Amino acid sequence: MPQLLHQTDAVRSKLDQSAATGIRASLGGVFISVLLGAVKIVSGILGNSYALLADGVESMLDVVSGLVVAGSLKIAVQPPDERYPYGYGKIEPVAALVIAASLLATAIGIAIQSVREIRIPHHAPAPFTLVVLIVVIVIKELLYRYLLRTSKTIDSNAMRTDAWHHRSDSLTSLAALIGISIALVAGKGYESADDWAALFAAAVIAFNGGLLLRTSWREILDISPPAAVVDDIRHIAAGVEGVTGIDLCRVRRSGLGLWVDIHVEVPAEMTVRDGHTIAHRVKDALMESNHNVMDALVHIEPSRV
């Protein structure tokens, strides 16, 4: 039992480190989003660009999403207790669901206002807004890649969703850049190109929001991890001495960790005590693996051969 407790603490320590890494990355993204959002909103107002203004509002939502991700990671790694025996991992996909929903709401709001702006004659955007957008696009794309890389390192769907939130911001900035460029180059009669760009950006945001919403919802419904992960878990269990086969293996994600239900086969003539020992060996092997297994329920069955 002390050995199992030590292994559980080791897994917990690894998850805590992953959460800390994710929280630092999310809060860094929040700081950058605040600065960029403020710059875009002010530039959009002074430069007469609704596309840039809408882009700034979307950046401010990145602030909210970053804080949601940081909070969810902190809660998700809390250890199980009597009231929540399976831990708090589900808060992570719920956070991703909230962020995805906010993306869809943002897209609808930008689309409605874009249509209004297209119908109302107005002046062309100021040339300096192009410089602002170029700088924003570069910074946001770098931030997206950094957060996406971090999400893969700690295997966090919420952080992956947050990364795509920044990518959508980069895309809206690119759309605004194209729209403003058309309005400035084409001249009179093309002032609304800026607003059409904002409308296109809204469509991109809505598309990404829908994809992320589906991914988060599937995780809440306990979708199985990739087949390669499940196959590796089966392979680890099958490699334990005394195991003659694997009958059933179910794996689900909860936050940054995995929960495993597995049926292993042992020789039919084996005693209950020996079968119990093998079950603990299988559990030990899974929890010592690189898959962040939080717990494994091992069921022993007699070999069919």
Protein backbone atom coordinates (compact mmCIF):
# COMPACT_ATOMS: atom_id res chain seq x y z
CA MET A 1 0.00 0.00 0.00
CA PRO A 2 2.77 2.56 0.79
CA GLN A 3 4.23 1.89 -2.66
CA LEU A 4 0.88 2.62 -4.33
CA LEU A 5 0.52 5.79 -2.29
CA HIS A 6 3.98 6.88 -3.41
CA GLN A 7 3.06 6.25 -7.03
CA THR A 8 -0.14 8.26 -6.65
CA ASP A 9 1.86 11.15 -5.17
CA ALA A 10 4.27 10.94 -8.11
CA VAL A 11 1.40 11.19 -10.59
CA ARG A 12 -0.09 14.04 -8.58
CA SER A 13 3.24 15.89 -8.60
CA LYS A 14 3.50 15.50 -12.36
CA LEU A 15 -0.03 16.85 -12.85
CA ASP A 16 0.69 19.78 -10.53
CA GLN A 17 3.76 20.64 -12.58
CA SER A 18 1.75 20.43 -15.82
CA ALA A 19 -0.96 22.66 -14.35
CA ALA A 20 1.62 25.20 -13.19
CA THR A 21 3.13 25.29 -16.68
CA GLY A 22 -0.30 25.80 -18.24
CA ILE A 23 -1.27 28.52 -15.76
CA ARG A 24 1.92 30.49 -16.43
CA ALA A 25 1.36 30.26 -20.17
CA SER A 26 -2.32 31.30 -19.89
CA LEU A 27 -1.56 34.29 -17.67
CA GLY A 28 1.19 35.36 -20.06
CA GLY A 29 -1.37 35.26 -22.86
CA VAL A 30 -3.75 37.32 -20.73
CA PHE A 31 -1.15 40.06 -20.25
CA ILE A 32 -0.37 40.23 -23.97
CA SER A 33 -4.07 40.21 -24.91
CA VAL A 34 -4.79 43.14 -22.59
CA LEU A 35 -2.09 45.23 -24.24
CA LEU A 36 -3.02 44.29 -27.80
CA GLY A 37 -6.75 44.65 -27.18
CA ALA A 38 -6.33 48.16 -25.81
CA VAL A 39 -4.11 49.18 -28.73
CA LYS A 40 -6.57 47.80 -31.30
CA ILE A 41 -9.64 49.37 -29.73
CA VAL A 42 -8.01 52.82 -29.48
CA SER A 43 -6.58 52.51 -33.00
CA GLY A 44 -9.93 51.36 -34.36
CA ILE A 45 -11.71 54.38 -32.86
CA LEU A 46 -9.07 56.91 -33.93
CA GLY A 47 -8.48 55.24 -37.30
CA ASN A 48 -12.18 54.86 -38.21
CA SER A 49 -11.93 51.07 -38.61
CA TYR A 50 -14.75 48.90 -37.32
CA ALA A 51 -12.85 45.75 -38.32
CA LEU A 52 -9.98 46.80 -36.06
CA LEU A 53 -12.38 47.78 -33.28
CA ALA A 54 -14.15 44.42 -33.51
CA ASP A 55 -10.77 42.72 -33.50
CA GLY A 56 -9.90 44.56 -30.30
CA VAL A 57 -13.08 43.39 -28.62
CA GLU A 58 -12.24 39.81 -29.61
CA SER A 59 -8.79 40.26 -28.06
CA MET A 60 -10.37 41.32 -24.79
CA LEU A 61 -12.34 38.06 -24.81
CA ASP A 62 -8.96 36.32 -25.00
CA VAL A 63 -8.32 37.82 -21.58
CA VAL A 64 -11.43 36.14 -20.19
CA SER A 65 -10.60 32.82 -21.84
CA GLY A 66 -7.05 32.91 -20.48
CA LEU A 67 -8.30 33.50 -16.94
CA VAL A 68 -10.86 30.72 -17.32
CA VAL A 69 -8.17 28.29 -18.48
CA ALA A 70 -5.80 29.24 -15.65
CA GLY A 71 -8.58 28.79 -13.09
CA SER A 72 -9.75 25.49 -14.54
CA LEU A 73 -6.24 24.02 -14.52
CA LYS A 74 -5.78 24.99 -10.89
CA ILE A 75 -9.06 23.32 -9.92
CA ALA A 76 -8.70 20.29 -12.21
CA VAL A 77 -5.59 18.97 -10.46
CA GLN A 78 -7.13 19.04 -6.98
CA PRO A 79 -7.05 15.51 -5.49
CA PRO A 80 -10.25 13.43 -5.24
CA ASP A 81 -12.23 13.61 -2.02
CA GLU A 82 -15.27 11.89 -0.51
CA ARG A 83 -17.72 14.10 -2.37
CA TYR A 84 -15.88 13.95 -5.69
CA PRO A 85 -14.16 10.54 -5.69
CA TYR A 86 -13.16 10.92 -9.35
CA GLY A 87 -11.55 14.30 -8.79
CA TYR A 88 -12.24 17.65 -10.41
CA GLY A 89 -10.80 16.97 -13.86
CA LYS A 90 -14.10 17.56 -15.68
CA ILE A 91 -13.82 21.28 -14.91
CA GLU A 92 -11.18 21.47 -17.65
CA PRO A 93 -13.43 20.48 -20.59
CA VAL A 94 -16.24 22.57 -19.07
CA ALA A 95 -13.91 25.58 -19.22
CA ALA A 96 -13.12 24.74 -22.85
CA LEU A 97 -16.86 24.57 -23.51
CA VAL A 98 -17.34 28.05 -22.01
CA ILE A 99 -14.53 29.47 -24.15
CA ALA A 100 -15.93 27.87 -27.30
CA ALA A 101 -19.39 29.29 -26.52
CA SER A 102 -17.86 32.74 -26.04
CA LEU A 103 -16.27 32.45 -29.48
CA LEU A 104 -19.67 31.77 -31.03
CA ALA A 105 -21.26 34.66 -29.15
CA THR A 106 -18.47 36.97 -30.29
CA ALA A 107 -18.91 35.90 -33.90
CA ILE A 108 -22.64 36.65 -33.79
CA GLY A 109 -22.07 40.09 -32.25
CA ILE A 110 -19.40 41.06 -34.77
CA ALA A 111 -21.52 39.81 -37.68
CA ILE A 112 -24.57 41.85 -36.62
CA GLN A 113 -22.56 45.04 -36.19
CA SER A 114 -20.67 44.45 -39.46
CA VAL A 115 -23.93 44.29 -41.42
CA ARG A 116 -25.02 47.55 -39.81
CA GLU A 117 -21.74 49.24 -40.70
CA ILE A 118 -21.93 48.01 -44.31
CA ARG A 119 -25.34 49.69 -44.70
CA ILE A 120 -24.14 53.02 -43.24
CA PRO A 121 -21.80 55.17 -45.42
CA HIS A 122 -18.60 56.17 -43.63
CA HIS A 123 -15.02 57.30 -44.21
CA ALA A 124 -12.20 54.95 -45.14
CA PRO A 125 -9.92 53.73 -42.33
CA ALA A 126 -6.71 55.61 -41.55
CA PRO A 127 -3.48 54.20 -43.10
CA PHE A 128 -1.74 53.82 -39.72
CA THR A 129 -4.17 51.02 -38.80
CA LEU A 130 -2.32 48.76 -41.23
CA VAL A 131 0.89 49.03 -39.21
CA VAL A 132 -1.00 48.20 -36.02
CA LEU A 133 -2.53 45.12 -37.62
CA ILE A 134 0.76 43.79 -38.98
CA VAL A 135 2.34 43.96 -35.53
CA VAL A 136 -0.74 42.33 -33.96
CA ILE A 137 -0.81 39.47 -36.48
CA VAL A 138 2.83 38.57 -35.82
CA ILE A 139 2.47 38.68 -32.02
CA LYS A 140 -0.81 36.74 -31.96
CA GLU A 141 0.50 34.03 -34.28
CA LEU A 142 3.57 33.56 -32.08
CA LEU A 143 1.34 33.44 -28.99
CA TYR A 144 -0.91 30.85 -30.64
CA ARG A 145 2.03 28.59 -31.43
CA TYR A 146 3.44 28.94 -27.94
CA LEU A 147 0.14 28.06 -26.26
CA LEU A 148 -0.56 25.20 -28.67
CA ARG A 149 2.88 23.74 -27.97
CA THR A 150 2.24 24.06 -24.24
CA SER A 151 -1.19 22.42 -24.59
CA LYS A 152 0.42 19.42 -26.28
CA THR A 153 3.09 19.22 -23.58
CA ILE A 154 0.56 19.10 -20.72
CA ASP A 155 -2.22 17.53 -22.84
CA SER A 156 -4.86 20.14 -22.00
CA ASN A 157 -7.94 20.56 -24.18
CA ALA A 158 -8.86 23.85 -22.48
CA MET A 159 -5.46 25.32 -23.27
CA ARG A 160 -5.70 23.99 -26.82
CA THR A 161 -9.02 25.82 -27.13
CA ASP A 162 -7.46 28.97 -25.71
CA ALA A 163 -4.63 28.70 -28.25
CA TRP A 164 -7.16 28.57 -31.08
CA HIS A 165 -8.86 31.58 -29.52
CA HIS A 166 -5.64 33.49 -30.19
CA ARG A 167 -5.36 31.99 -33.68
CA SER A 168 -8.88 33.25 -34.47
CA ASP A 169 -7.76 36.67 -33.24
CA SER A 170 -4.84 36.49 -35.64
CA LEU A 171 -7.20 35.56 -38.48
CA THR A 172 -9.57 38.43 -37.72
CA SER A 173 -6.60 40.79 -37.75
CA LEU A 174 -5.53 39.39 -41.13
CA ALA A 175 -9.06 39.87 -42.49
CA ALA A 176 -9.06 43.44 -41.17
CA LEU A 177 -5.68 44.06 -42.80
CA ILE A 178 -6.97 42.89 -46.17
CA GLY A 179 -10.21 44.87 -45.86
CA ILE A 180 -8.49 48.10 -44.85
CA SER A 181 -5.92 47.68 -47.62
CA ILE A 182 -8.70 47.33 -50.21
CA ALA A 183 -10.52 50.36 -48.82
CA LEU A 184 -7.37 52.49 -48.96
CA VAL A 185 -6.10 51.32 -52.36
CA ALA A 186 -9.45 51.20 -54.22
CA GLY A 187 -10.57 54.53 -52.78
CA LYS A 188 -14.04 56.02 -52.86
CA GLY A 189 -16.87 53.51 -52.97
CA TYR A 190 -14.85 50.77 -51.28
CA GLU A 191 -14.96 52.09 -47.72
CA SER A 192 -17.14 49.15 -46.65
CA ALA A 193 -14.38 46.64 -47.51
CA ASP A 194 -13.24 47.08 -43.92
CA ASP A 195 -16.67 45.98 -42.67
CA TRP A 196 -16.86 43.07 -45.09
CA ALA A 197 -13.53 41.93 -43.65
CA ALA A 198 -15.03 42.04 -40.16
CA LEU A 199 -17.97 39.95 -41.40
CA PHE A 200 -15.59 37.39 -42.86
CA ALA A 201 -13.66 37.34 -39.59
CA ALA A 202 -16.92 36.61 -37.75
CA ALA A 203 -17.48 33.58 -39.99
CA VAL A 204 -13.97 32.29 -39.22
CA ILE A 205 -14.49 32.76 -35.49
CA ALA A 206 -17.84 30.95 -35.62
CA PHE A 207 -16.33 28.03 -37.53
CA ASN A 208 -13.49 27.60 -35.00
CA GLY A 209 -15.92 28.02 -32.12
CA GLY A 210 -18.11 25.23 -33.49
CA LEU A 211 -15.17 22.84 -33.83
CA LEU A 212 -13.92 23.57 -30.34
CA LEU A 213 -17.42 23.24 -28.91
CA ARG A 214 -17.73 19.77 -30.41
CA THR A 215 -14.32 18.70 -29.06
CA SER A 216 -15.12 19.92 -25.54
CA TRP A 217 -18.56 18.31 -25.55
CA ARG A 218 -17.12 14.97 -26.60
CA GLU A 219 -14.64 15.04 -23.73
CA ILE A 220 -17.42 15.79 -21.25
CA LEU A 221 -19.22 12.71 -22.60
CA ASP A 222 -16.08 10.63 -21.93
CA ILE A 223 -14.93 10.08 -25.48
CA SER A 224 -12.09 7.58 -25.67
CA PRO A 225 -8.54 8.93 -26.10
CA PRO A 226 -6.77 8.28 -29.44
CA ALA A 227 -6.48 4.61 -30.34
CA ALA A 228 -2.69 4.77 -30.01
CA VAL A 229 -3.02 5.70 -26.32
CA VAL A 230 -5.47 2.89 -25.59
CA ASP A 231 -3.33 0.38 -27.50
CA ASP A 232 -0.24 1.40 -25.53
CA ILE A 233 -2.10 1.00 -22.24
CA ARG A 234 -3.20 -2.49 -23.31
CA HIS A 235 0.39 -3.27 -24.29
CA ILE A 236 1.74 -2.12 -20.90
CA ALA A 237 -0.79 -4.25 -19.03
CA ALA A 238 -0.16 -7.27 -21.25
CA GLY A 239 3.57 -7.03 -20.51
CA VAL A 240 3.09 -7.59 -16.78
CA GLU A 241 4.34 -11.01 -15.65
CA GLY A 242 1.46 -13.43 -15.13
CA VAL A 243 -0.96 -11.70 -17.52
CA THR A 244 -2.00 -13.99 -20.37
CA GLY A 245 -4.28 -11.59 -22.22
CA ILE A 246 -6.35 -8.42 -22.19
CA ASP A 247 -10.12 -8.77 -22.51
CA LEU A 248 -11.50 -5.24 -22.07
CA CYS A 249 -9.84 -1.85 -21.80
CA ARG A 250 -11.79 1.37 -21.33
CA VAL A 251 -10.00 4.70 -20.94
CA ARG A 252 -11.47 8.13 -20.32
CA ARG A 253 -9.94 11.53 -19.79
CA SER A 254 -10.57 13.70 -16.78
CA GLY A 255 -8.69 16.98 -16.95
CA LEU A 256 -4.97 16.32 -17.39
CA GLY A 257 -5.18 12.66 -16.34
CA LEU A 258 -6.64 9.34 -17.46
CA TRP A 259 -8.85 6.83 -15.67
CA VAL A 260 -8.56 3.21 -16.79
CA ASP A 261 -10.93 0.23 -16.46
CA ILE A 262 -9.21 -2.92 -17.67
CA HIS A 263 -9.97 -6.65 -17.62
CA VAL A 264 -6.83 -8.82 -17.63
CA GLU A 265 -6.68 -12.57 -18.07
CA VAL A 266 -4.57 -14.85 -15.85
CA PRO A 267 -4.21 -18.65 -15.74
CA ALA A 268 -7.50 -20.20 -14.62
CA GLU A 269 -5.83 -22.36 -11.94
CA MET A 270 -4.22 -19.34 -10.25
CA THR A 271 -5.23 -18.62 -6.64
CA VAL A 272 -7.20 -15.52 -5.70
CA ARG A 273 -4.20 -14.18 -3.77
CA ASP A 274 -1.88 -14.53 -6.78
CA GLY A 275 -4.48 -12.94 -9.06
CA HIS A 276 -4.81 -10.05 -6.64
CA THR A 277 -1.04 -9.57 -6.68
CA ILE A 278 -0.99 -9.46 -10.47
CA ALA A 279 -3.81 -6.91 -10.47
CA HIS A 280 -1.70 -4.61 -8.30
CA ARG A 281 1.28 -5.11 -10.62
CA VAL A 282 -0.84 -4.07 -13.59
CA LYS A 283 -2.08 -1.02 -11.72
CA ASP A 284 1.48 -0.11 -10.72
CA ALA A 285 2.70 -0.44 -14.32
CA LEU A 286 -0.07 1.78 -15.67
CA MET A 287 0.40 4.47 -13.05
CA GLU A 288 4.16 4.49 -13.65
CA SER A 289 3.63 4.99 -17.39
CA ASN A 290 3.85 8.32 -19.22
CA HIS A 291 0.07 8.54 -19.70
CA ASN A 292 -0.78 10.40 -16.46
CA VAL A 293 -3.01 7.56 -15.27
CA MET A 294 -4.82 8.84 -12.17
CA ASP A 295 -6.19 5.44 -11.22
CA ALA A 296 -6.78 2.02 -12.75
CA LEU A 297 -9.54 -0.44 -11.90
CA VAL A 298 -8.17 -3.89 -12.73
CA HIS A 299 -10.57 -6.83 -13.07
CA ILE A 300 -9.12 -10.36 -13.11
CA GLU A 301 -10.58 -13.01 -15.41
CA PRO A 302 -9.55 -16.63 -16.03
CA SER A 303 -7.63 -17.23 -19.22
CA ARG A 304 -9.74 -18.59 -22.09
CA VAL A 305 -6.90 -20.74 -23.37
